């Protein structure tokens, strides 16, 4: 973290007739900067996601977290109880990959048009559901670097149905880092290996980080599964990725 003064606020981004809530954080000042799109867990653009967005601003980036559940539940955010998980998964099940990609593209367009973002220096990061969506977002031509945290289902499905997201690997043009906890029951080891093999086959620049003893959600300091050792290392790796590629 730096001593960078930042500003943060909710904004509206437009995707056709849909107005999408998004949380925007950026350093104070007008200099041109790289940008990061932050993709939520199933819990909405909640306190944790807003905190991550501000952390990127403190590192000198423009950062935006669009509400991926805008169609299903405008303004939705929640905590981490069993009931919260159920609700979040219900909304997740109603999302569509192509709609999500259009929403992320709209966030990118907003950044370029409305902020001091460098159009050729945009990355994305996602957690949980957002980790899966980040793999999708990595196929967008503007995305130069992607950090995907414990995105379940990449090898087996895609939001809304159709061929699994892994089949889009060949469309990833930038660099992608993926972070997995080895105690995460929602992402079997063989799926991680399948993703790695696909990235190798298509010669996508990548690194995969496997954290022993870490469970799903290990990066979130508001969840019981928080693992500070894994989270701190992953954060350093993410900062290196974006510094190198953006």
C-alpha atoms as a PDB file:
ATOM      1  CA  UNK A   1       0.000   0.000   0.000  1.00  0.00           C
ATOM      2  CA  UNK A   2       1.142   3.506  -0.777  1.00  0.00           C
ATOM      3  CA  UNK A   3       0.243   6.881   0.666  1.00  0.00           C
ATOM      4  CA  UNK A   4      -1.682   7.678  -2.517  1.00  0.00           C
ATOM      5  CA  UNK A   5      -4.744   9.828  -1.875  1.00  0.00           C
ATOM      6  CA  UNK A   6      -7.786   8.262  -3.525  1.00  0.00           C
ATOM      7  CA  UNK A   7     -11.416   8.981  -4.234  1.00  0.00           C
ATOM      8  CA  UNK A   8     -14.159   6.357  -4.416  1.00  0.00           C
ATOM      9  CA  UNK A   9     -17.817   6.513  -5.412  1.00  0.00           C
ATOM     10  CA  UNK A  10     -20.700   4.633  -7.003  1.00  0.00           C
ATOM     11  CA  UNK A  11     -21.273   5.342 -10.689  1.00  0.00           C
ATOM     12  CA  UNK A  12     -23.622   4.169 -13.432  1.00  0.00           C
ATOM     13  CA  UNK A  13     -22.312   2.514 -16.563  1.00  0.00           C
ATOM     14  CA  UNK A  14     -24.511   1.855 -19.564  1.00  0.00           C
ATOM     15  CA  UNK A  15     -24.914  -1.342 -21.559  1.00  0.00           C
ATOM     16  CA  UNK A  16     -27.592  -0.555 -24.107  1.00  0.00           C
ATOM     17  CA  UNK A  17     -30.771   0.054 -22.100  1.00  0.00           C
ATOM     18  CA  UNK A  18     -29.287  -1.402 -18.909  1.00  0.00           C
ATOM     19  CA  UNK A  19     -27.770   0.925 -16.329  1.00  0.00           C
ATOM     20  CA  UNK A  20     -25.217  -0.962 -14.226  1.00  0.00           C
ATOM     21  CA  UNK A  21     -24.128   0.091 -10.757  1.00  0.00           C
ATOM     22  CA  UNK A  22     -20.354   0.096 -10.369  1.00  0.00           C
ATOM     23  CA  UNK A  23     -17.973   1.050  -7.587  1.00  0.00           C
ATOM     24  CA  UNK A  24     -15.142   3.242  -8.865  1.00  0.00           C
ATOM     25  CA  UNK A  25     -11.927   4.092  -7.024  1.00  0.00           C
ATOM     26  CA  UNK A  26      -8.983   6.047  -8.366  1.00  0.00           C
ATOM     27  CA  UNK A  27      -6.040   8.138  -7.272  1.00  0.00           C
ATOM     28  CA  UNK A  28      -6.586  11.861  -6.983  1.00  0.00           C
ATOM     29  CA  UNK A  29      -5.045  13.635  -9.968  1.00  0.00           C
ATOM     30  CA  UNK A  30      -5.410  13.684 -13.730  1.00  0.00           C
ATOM     31  CA  UNK A  31      -2.402  11.666 -14.892  1.00  0.00           C
ATOM     32  CA  UNK A  32      -3.040   8.750 -17.254  1.00  0.00           C
ATOM     33  CA  UNK A  33      -3.167   5.441 -15.407  1.00  0.00           C
ATOM     34  CA  UNK A  34      -3.636   1.704 -15.981  1.00  0.00           C
ATOM     35  CA  UNK A  35      -6.962   0.267 -14.835  1.00  0.00           C
ATOM     36  CA  UNK A  36      -8.298  -2.867 -13.169  1.00  0.00           C
ATOM     37  CA  UNK A  37     -11.807  -4.319 -13.473  1.00  0.00           C
ATOM     38  CA  UNK A  38     -12.690  -6.062 -10.188  1.00  0.00           C
ATOM     39  CA  UNK A  39     -15.181  -8.924 -10.476  1.00  0.00           C
ATOM     40  CA  UNK A  40     -17.306  -9.850  -7.478  1.00  0.00           C
ATOM     41  CA  UNK A  41     -17.954 -13.074  -5.627  1.00  0.00           C
ATOM     42  CA  UNK A  42     -21.517 -14.407  -5.432  1.00  0.00           C
ATOM     43  CA  UNK A  43     -22.049 -11.950  -2.584  1.00  0.00           C
ATOM     44  CA  UNK A  44     -22.279  -8.847  -4.754  1.00  0.00           C
ATOM     45  CA  UNK A  45     -20.159  -5.715  -4.734  1.00  0.00           C
ATOM     46  CA  UNK A  46     -19.976  -5.921  -0.970  1.00  0.00           C
ATOM     47  CA  UNK A  47     -17.590  -4.440   1.562  1.00  0.00           C
ATOM     48  CA  UNK A  48     -14.781  -6.849   0.674  1.00  0.00           C
ATOM     49  CA  UNK A  49     -14.964  -6.152  -3.063  1.00  0.00           C
ATOM     50  CA  UNK A  50     -15.115  -2.410  -2.448  1.00  0.00           C
ATOM     51  CA  UNK A  51     -12.065  -2.729  -0.196  1.00  0.00           C
ATOM     52  CA  UNK A  52     -10.121  -4.582  -2.908  1.00  0.00           C
ATOM     53  CA  UNK A  53     -11.129  -1.896  -5.410  1.00  0.00           C
ATOM     54  CA  UNK A  54      -9.791   0.830  -3.114  1.00  0.00           C
ATOM     55  CA  UNK A  55      -6.592  -1.142  -2.541  1.00  0.00           C
ATOM     56  CA  UNK A  56      -5.881  -1.004  -6.252  1.00  0.00           C
ATOM     57  CA  UNK A  57      -6.493   2.736  -6.280  1.00  0.00           C
ATOM     58  CA  UNK A  58      -3.991   3.067  -3.439  1.00  0.00           C
ATOM     59  CA  UNK A  59      -1.500   1.242  -5.670  1.00  0.00           C
ATOM     60  CA  UNK A  60      -1.997   3.840  -8.394  1.00  0.00           C
ATOM     61  CA  UNK A  61      -4.655   2.199 -10.592  1.00  0.00           C
ATOM     62  CA  UNK A  62      -8.100   3.252 -11.670  1.00  0.00           C
ATOM     63  CA  UNK A  63     -10.318   0.396 -10.448  1.00  0.00           C
ATOM     64  CA  UNK A  64     -13.969  -0.405 -11.065  1.00  0.00           C
ATOM     65  CA  UNK A  65     -16.231  -3.153  -9.738  1.00  0.00           C
ATOM     66  CA  UNK A  66     -19.392  -3.547 -11.858  1.00  0.00           C
ATOM     67  CA  UNK A  67     -22.450  -5.205 -10.318  1.00  0.00           C
ATOM     68  CA  UNK A  68     -22.606  -8.558 -12.103  1.00  0.00           C
ATOM     69  CA  UNK A  69     -26.090  -9.237 -10.698  1.00  0.00           C
ATOM     70  CA  UNK A  70     -27.622  -6.011 -12.017  1.00  0.00           C
ATOM     71  CA  UNK A  71     -30.251  -7.896 -14.051  1.00  0.00           C
ATOM     72  CA  UNK A  72     -31.150 -10.273 -11.235  1.00  0.00           C
ATOM     73  CA  UNK A  73     -30.947  -8.067  -8.149  1.00  0.00           C
ATOM     74  CA  UNK A  74     -29.960  -4.393  -8.440  1.00  0.00           C
ATOM     75  CA  UNK A  75     -28.145  -3.189  -5.330  1.00  0.00           C
ATOM     76  CA  UNK A  76     -27.560  -6.710  -4.021  1.00  0.00           C
ATOM     77  CA  UNK A  77     -24.816  -7.291  -1.508  1.00  0.00           C
ATOM     78  CA  UNK A  78     -24.649  -9.672   1.397  1.00  0.00           C
ATOM     79  CA  UNK A  79     -22.473 -11.459   3.921  1.00  0.00           C
ATOM     80  CA  UNK A  80     -21.248 -15.034   4.169  1.00  0.00           C
ATOM     81  CA  UNK A  81     -23.851 -17.072   6.044  1.00  0.00           C
ATOM     82  CA  UNK A  82     -25.240 -20.319   4.635  1.00  0.00           C
ATOM     83  CA  UNK A  83     -28.412 -18.462   3.632  1.00  0.00           C
ATOM     84  CA  UNK A  84     -26.337 -15.741   1.948  1.00  0.00           C
ATOM     85  CA  UNK A  85     -24.481 -18.407  -0.026  1.00  0.00           C
ATOM     86  CA  UNK A  86     -27.763 -19.929  -1.167  1.00  0.00           C
ATOM     87  CA  UNK A  87     -29.123 -16.583  -2.357  1.00  0.00           C
ATOM     88  CA  UNK A  88     -25.880 -15.686  -4.101  1.00  0.00           C
ATOM     89  CA  UNK A  89     -25.787 -19.027  -5.914  1.00  0.00           C
ATOM     90  CA  UNK A  90     -29.395 -18.585  -7.021  1.00  0.00           C
ATOM     91  CA  UNK A  91     -28.532 -15.272  -8.665  1.00  0.00           C
ATOM     92  CA  UNK A  92     -25.355 -16.750 -10.161  1.00  0.00           C
ATOM     93  CA  UNK A  93     -27.416 -19.479 -11.826  1.00  0.00           C
ATOM     94  CA  UNK A  94     -29.398 -16.821 -13.693  1.00  0.00           C
ATOM     95  CA  UNK A  95     -26.373 -15.134 -15.278  1.00  0.00           C
ATOM     96  CA  UNK A  96     -25.359 -15.570 -18.920  1.00  0.00           C
ATOM     97  CA  UNK A  97     -21.758 -15.579 -20.144  1.00  0.00           C
ATOM     98  CA  UNK A  98     -22.384 -13.284 -23.093  1.00  0.00           C
ATOM     99  CA  UNK A  99     -24.309 -10.794 -20.932  1.00  0.00           C
ATOM    100  CA  UNK A 100     -21.484 -10.777 -18.403  1.00  0.00           C
ATOM    101  CA  UNK A 101     -18.954 -10.104 -21.144  1.00  0.00           C
ATOM    102  CA  UNK A 102     -21.032  -7.237 -22.503  1.00  0.00           C
ATOM    103  CA  UNK A 103     -21.314  -5.749 -19.019  1.00  0.00           C
ATOM    104  CA  UNK A 104     -17.549  -5.967 -18.506  1.00  0.00           C
ATOM    105  CA  UNK A 105     -16.980  -4.428 -21.922  1.00  0.00           C
ATOM    106  CA  UNK A 106     -19.281  -1.584 -20.883  1.00  0.00           C
ATOM    107  CA  UNK A 107     -17.183  -1.087 -17.752  1.00  0.00           C
ATOM    108  CA  UNK A 108     -14.046  -0.932 -19.899  1.00  0.00           C
ATOM    109  CA  UNK A 109     -15.690   1.574 -22.237  1.00  0.00           C
ATOM    110  CA  UNK A 110     -16.686   3.693 -19.235  1.00  0.00           C
ATOM    111  CA  UNK A 111     -13.134   3.663 -17.878  1.00  0.00           C
ATOM    112  CA  UNK A 112     -11.653   4.800 -21.174  1.00  0.00           C
ATOM    113  CA  UNK A 113     -14.279   7.482 -21.798  1.00  0.00           C
ATOM    114  CA  UNK A 114     -14.851   8.845 -18.299  1.00  0.00           C
ATOM    115  CA  UNK A 115     -11.581   8.433 -16.375  1.00  0.00           C
ATOM    116  CA  UNK A 116      -7.841   8.859 -16.873  1.00  0.00           C
ATOM    117  CA  UNK A 117      -7.474   5.212 -17.899  1.00  0.00           C
ATOM    118  CA  UNK A 118      -4.818   4.210 -20.426  1.00  0.00           C
ATOM    119  CA  UNK A 119      -6.798   2.354 -23.091  1.00  0.00           C
ATOM    120  CA  UNK A 120      -3.933  -0.065 -23.731  1.00  0.00           C
ATOM    121  CA  UNK A 121      -3.317  -0.895 -20.065  1.00  0.00           C
ATOM    122  CA  UNK A 122      -6.365  -2.653 -18.608  1.00  0.00           C
ATOM    123  CA  UNK A 123      -6.424  -5.732 -16.421  1.00  0.00           C
ATOM    124  CA  UNK A 124      -9.020  -7.640 -14.462  1.00  0.00           C
ATOM    125  CA  UNK A 125      -9.248  -9.652 -11.273  1.00  0.00           C
ATOM    126  CA  UNK A 126     -12.052 -11.840  -9.989  1.00  0.00           C
ATOM    127  CA  UNK A 127     -12.848 -13.940  -6.950  1.00  0.00           C
ATOM    128  CA  UNK A 128     -15.073 -17.029  -6.593  1.00  0.00           C
ATOM    129  CA  UNK A 129     -17.829 -16.536  -9.207  1.00  0.00           C
ATOM    130  CA  UNK A 130     -15.808 -13.547 -10.365  1.00  0.00           C
ATOM    131  CA  UNK A 131     -12.760 -15.781 -10.723  1.00  0.00           C
ATOM    132  CA  UNK A 132     -14.647 -17.807 -13.304  1.00  0.00           C
ATOM    133  CA  UNK A 133     -15.930 -14.643 -14.978  1.00  0.00           C
ATOM    134  CA  UNK A 134     -12.370 -13.272 -15.059  1.00  0.00           C
ATOM    135  CA  UNK A 135     -11.366 -16.249 -17.232  1.00  0.00           C
ATOM    136  CA  UNK A 136     -14.141 -15.224 -19.609  1.00  0.00           C
ATOM    137  CA  UNK A 137     -13.093 -11.569 -19.429  1.00  0.00           C
ATOM    138  CA  UNK A 138      -9.519 -12.514 -20.319  1.00  0.00           C
ATOM    139  CA  UNK A 139     -10.796 -13.188 -23.858  1.00  0.00           C
ATOM    140  CA  UNK A 140     -11.711  -9.515 -24.356  1.00  0.00           C
ATOM    141  CA  UNK A 141      -9.097  -7.792 -26.534  1.00  0.00           C
ATOM    142  CA  UNK A 142      -8.574  -4.867 -24.142  1.00  0.00           C
ATOM    143  CA  UNK A 143      -7.645  -7.105 -21.189  1.00  0.00           C
ATOM    144  CA  UNK A 144      -3.856  -7.400 -21.031  1.00  0.00           C
ATOM    145  CA  UNK A 145      -3.554  -9.211 -17.685  1.00  0.00           C
ATOM    146  CA  UNK A 146      -5.950 -11.287 -15.593  1.00  0.00           C
ATOM    147  CA  UNK A 147      -5.901 -12.622 -12.035  1.00  0.00           C
ATOM    148  CA  UNK A 148      -8.433 -15.391 -11.421  1.00  0.00           C
ATOM    149  CA  UNK A 149      -8.992 -16.501  -7.826  1.00  0.00           C
ATOM    150  CA  UNK A 150     -10.615 -19.893  -7.135  1.00  0.00           C
ATOM    151  CA  UNK A 151     -13.049 -19.763 -10.041  1.00  0.00           C
ATOM    152  CA  UNK A 152     -15.054 -22.968  -9.825  1.00  0.00           C
ATOM    153  CA  UNK A 153     -16.457 -24.647 -12.921  1.00  0.00           C
ATOM    154  CA  UNK A 154     -14.085 -23.216 -15.541  1.00  0.00           C
ATOM    155  CA  UNK A 155     -13.408 -26.697 -16.873  1.00  0.00           C
ATOM    156  CA  UNK A 156     -16.969 -28.005 -16.631  1.00  0.00           C
ATOM    157  CA  UNK A 157     -19.519 -25.267 -17.374  1.00  0.00           C
ATOM    158  CA  UNK A 158     -20.160 -21.681 -18.377  1.00  0.00           C
ATOM    159  CA  UNK A 159     -22.727 -19.206 -16.999  1.00  0.00           C
ATOM    160  CA  UNK A 160     -26.064 -19.770 -18.701  1.00  0.00           C
ATOM    161  CA  UNK A 161     -25.048 -23.072 -20.271  1.00  0.00           C
ATOM    162  CA  UNK A 162     -23.148 -24.106 -23.371  1.00  0.00           C
ATOM    163  CA  UNK A 163     -19.574 -25.236 -23.867  1.00  0.00           C
ATOM    164  CA  UNK A 164     -17.406 -24.928 -20.739  1.00  0.00           C
ATOM    165  CA  UNK A 165     -15.498 -21.696 -20.337  1.00  0.00           C
ATOM    166  CA  UNK A 166     -12.208 -23.566 -20.744  1.00  0.00           C
ATOM    167  CA  UNK A 167     -13.044 -23.978 -24.450  1.00  0.00           C
ATOM    168  CA  UNK A 168     -12.459 -20.216 -24.869  1.00  0.00           C
ATOM    169  CA  UNK A 169      -8.839 -20.488 -23.701  1.00  0.00           C
ATOM    170  CA  UNK A 170      -7.485 -20.018 -27.202  1.00  0.00           C
ATOM    171  CA  UNK A 171      -9.027 -16.524 -27.250  1.00  0.00           C
ATOM    172  CA  UNK A 172      -6.977 -15.283 -24.281  1.00  0.00           C
ATOM    173  CA  UNK A 173      -4.460 -12.796 -25.682  1.00  0.00           C
ATOM    174  CA  UNK A 174      -2.849 -11.434 -22.504  1.00  0.00           C
ATOM    175  CA  UNK A 175      -1.269 -13.008 -19.435  1.00  0.00           C
ATOM    176  CA  UNK A 176      -3.353 -14.858 -16.852  1.00  0.00           C
ATOM    177  CA  UNK A 177      -2.489 -15.862 -13.289  1.00  0.00           C
ATOM    178  CA  UNK A 178      -4.738 -18.342 -11.480  1.00  0.00           C
ATOM    179  CA  UNK A 179      -4.866 -18.886  -7.725  1.00  0.00           C
ATOM    180  CA  UNK A 180      -6.238 -22.018  -6.062  1.00  0.00           C
ATOM    181  CA  UNK A 181      -6.443 -23.374  -2.528  1.00  0.00           C
ATOM    182  CA  UNK A 182      -5.593 -27.057  -2.370  1.00  0.00           C
ATOM    183  CA  UNK A 183      -8.296 -27.614   0.285  1.00  0.00           C
ATOM    184  CA  UNK A 184     -11.009 -26.166  -1.977  1.00  0.00           C
ATOM    185  CA  UNK A 185     -13.555 -28.955  -2.456  1.00  0.00           C
ATOM    186  CA  UNK A 186     -15.357 -26.970  -5.180  1.00  0.00           C
ATOM    187  CA  UNK A 187     -12.337 -27.150  -7.524  1.00  0.00           C
ATOM    188  CA  UNK A 188     -10.897 -30.686  -7.815  1.00  0.00           C
ATOM    189  CA  UNK A 189      -7.167 -30.929  -8.468  1.00  0.00           C
ATOM    190  CA  UNK A 190      -7.799 -32.598 -11.811  1.00  0.00           C
ATOM    191  CA  UNK A 191      -9.697 -29.523 -12.998  1.00  0.00           C
ATOM    192  CA  UNK A 192      -6.753 -27.282 -12.113  1.00  0.00           C
ATOM    193  CA  UNK A 193      -4.514 -29.633 -14.090  1.00  0.00           C
ATOM    194  CA  UNK A 194      -6.960 -29.560 -17.008  1.00  0.00           C
ATOM    195  CA  UNK A 195      -6.887 -25.756 -17.053  1.00  0.00           C
ATOM    196  CA  UNK A 196      -3.097 -25.755 -16.946  1.00  0.00           C
ATOM    197  CA  UNK A 197      -2.906 -28.230 -19.835  1.00  0.00           C
ATOM    198  CA  UNK A 198      -5.257 -26.111 -21.934  1.00  0.00           C
ATOM    199  CA  UNK A 199      -3.265 -22.945 -21.270  1.00  0.00           C
ATOM    200  CA  UNK A 200      -0.081 -24.765 -22.248  1.00  0.00           C
ATOM    201  CA  UNK A 201      -1.657 -26.185 -25.396  1.00  0.00           C
ATOM    202  CA  UNK A 202      -2.689 -22.753 -26.622  1.00  0.00           C
ATOM    203  CA  UNK A 203       0.579 -21.131 -25.477  1.00  0.00           C
ATOM    204  CA  UNK A 204      -1.182 -18.625 -23.246  1.00  0.00           C
ATOM    205  CA  UNK A 205       1.212 -16.799 -20.941  1.00  0.00           C
ATOM    206  CA  UNK A 206       0.246 -17.900 -17.454  1.00  0.00           C
ATOM    207  CA  UNK A 207       1.177 -18.958 -13.954  1.00  0.00           C
ATOM    208  CA  UNK A 208      -0.832 -21.151 -11.613  1.00  0.00           C
ATOM    209  CA  UNK A 209      -0.454 -20.798  -7.852  1.00  0.00           C
ATOM    210  CA  UNK A 210      -1.490 -23.695  -5.608  1.00  0.00           C
ATOM    211  CA  UNK A 211      -1.678 -22.952  -1.902  1.00  0.00           C
ATOM    212  CA  UNK A 212      -1.453 -25.911   0.449  1.00  0.00           C
ATOM    213  CA  UNK A 213      -3.820 -25.694   3.403  1.00  0.00           C
ATOM    214  CA  UNK A 214      -5.887 -22.931   1.778  1.00  0.00           C
ATOM    215  CA  UNK A 215      -9.621 -23.287   1.152  1.00  0.00           C
ATOM    216  CA  UNK A 216     -12.113 -21.551  -1.119  1.00  0.00           C
ATOM    217  CA  UNK A 217     -12.272 -17.828  -0.359  1.00  0.00           C
ATOM    218  CA  UNK A 218      -8.809 -17.729   1.201  1.00  0.00           C
ATOM    219  CA  UNK A 219      -8.177 -14.155   0.016  1.00  0.00           C
ATOM    220  CA  UNK A 220     -11.189 -12.616   1.764  1.00  0.00           C
ATOM    221  CA  UNK A 221     -10.335 -11.387   5.262  1.00  0.00           C
ATOM    222  CA  UNK A 222     -14.044 -11.324   6.150  1.00  0.00           C
ATOM    223  CA  UNK A 223     -14.586 -15.049   5.592  1.00  0.00           C
ATOM    224  CA  UNK A 224     -13.860 -17.904   7.978  1.00  0.00           C
ATOM    225  CA  UNK A 225     -11.681 -19.466   5.271  1.00  0.00           C
ATOM    226  CA  UNK A 226      -9.297 -16.489   5.190  1.00  0.00           C
ATOM    227  CA  UNK A 227      -5.698 -17.651   5.022  1.00  0.00           C
ATOM    228  CA  UNK A 228      -3.371 -14.686   5.590  1.00  0.00           C
ATOM    229  CA  UNK A 229      -0.235 -16.489   4.406  1.00  0.00           C
ATOM    230  CA  UNK A 230      -1.802 -17.477   1.075  1.00  0.00           C
ATOM    231  CA  UNK A 231      -3.614 -14.142   0.729  1.00  0.00           C
ATOM    232  CA  UNK A 232      -0.494 -12.067   1.302  1.00  0.00           C
ATOM    233  CA  UNK A 233       1.563 -14.071  -1.181  1.00  0.00           C
ATOM    234  CA  UNK A 234      -1.224 -13.927  -3.773  1.00  0.00           C
ATOM    235  CA  UNK A 235      -1.511 -10.146  -3.386  1.00  0.00           C
ATOM    236  CA  UNK A 236       2.202  -9.733  -4.033  1.00  0.00           C
ATOM    237  CA  UNK A 237       1.926 -11.924  -7.132  1.00  0.00           C
ATOM    238  CA  UNK A 238      -1.038  -9.912  -8.400  1.00  0.00           C
ATOM    239  CA  UNK A 239       0.834  -6.647  -7.941  1.00  0.00           C
ATOM    240  CA  UNK A 240       3.797  -8.056  -9.858  1.00  0.00           C
ATOM    241  CA  UNK A 241       1.520  -9.237 -12.678  1.00  0.00           C
ATOM    242  CA  UNK A 242      -0.145  -5.879 -13.185  1.00  0.00           C
ATOM    243  CA  UNK A 243       3.065  -3.928 -12.789  1.00  0.00           C
ATOM    244  CA  UNK A 244       4.746  -6.046 -15.461  1.00  0.00           C
ATOM    245  CA  UNK A 245       1.891  -6.213 -17.958  1.00  0.00           C
ATOM    246  CA  UNK A 246       0.053  -2.867 -17.661  1.00  0.00           C
END
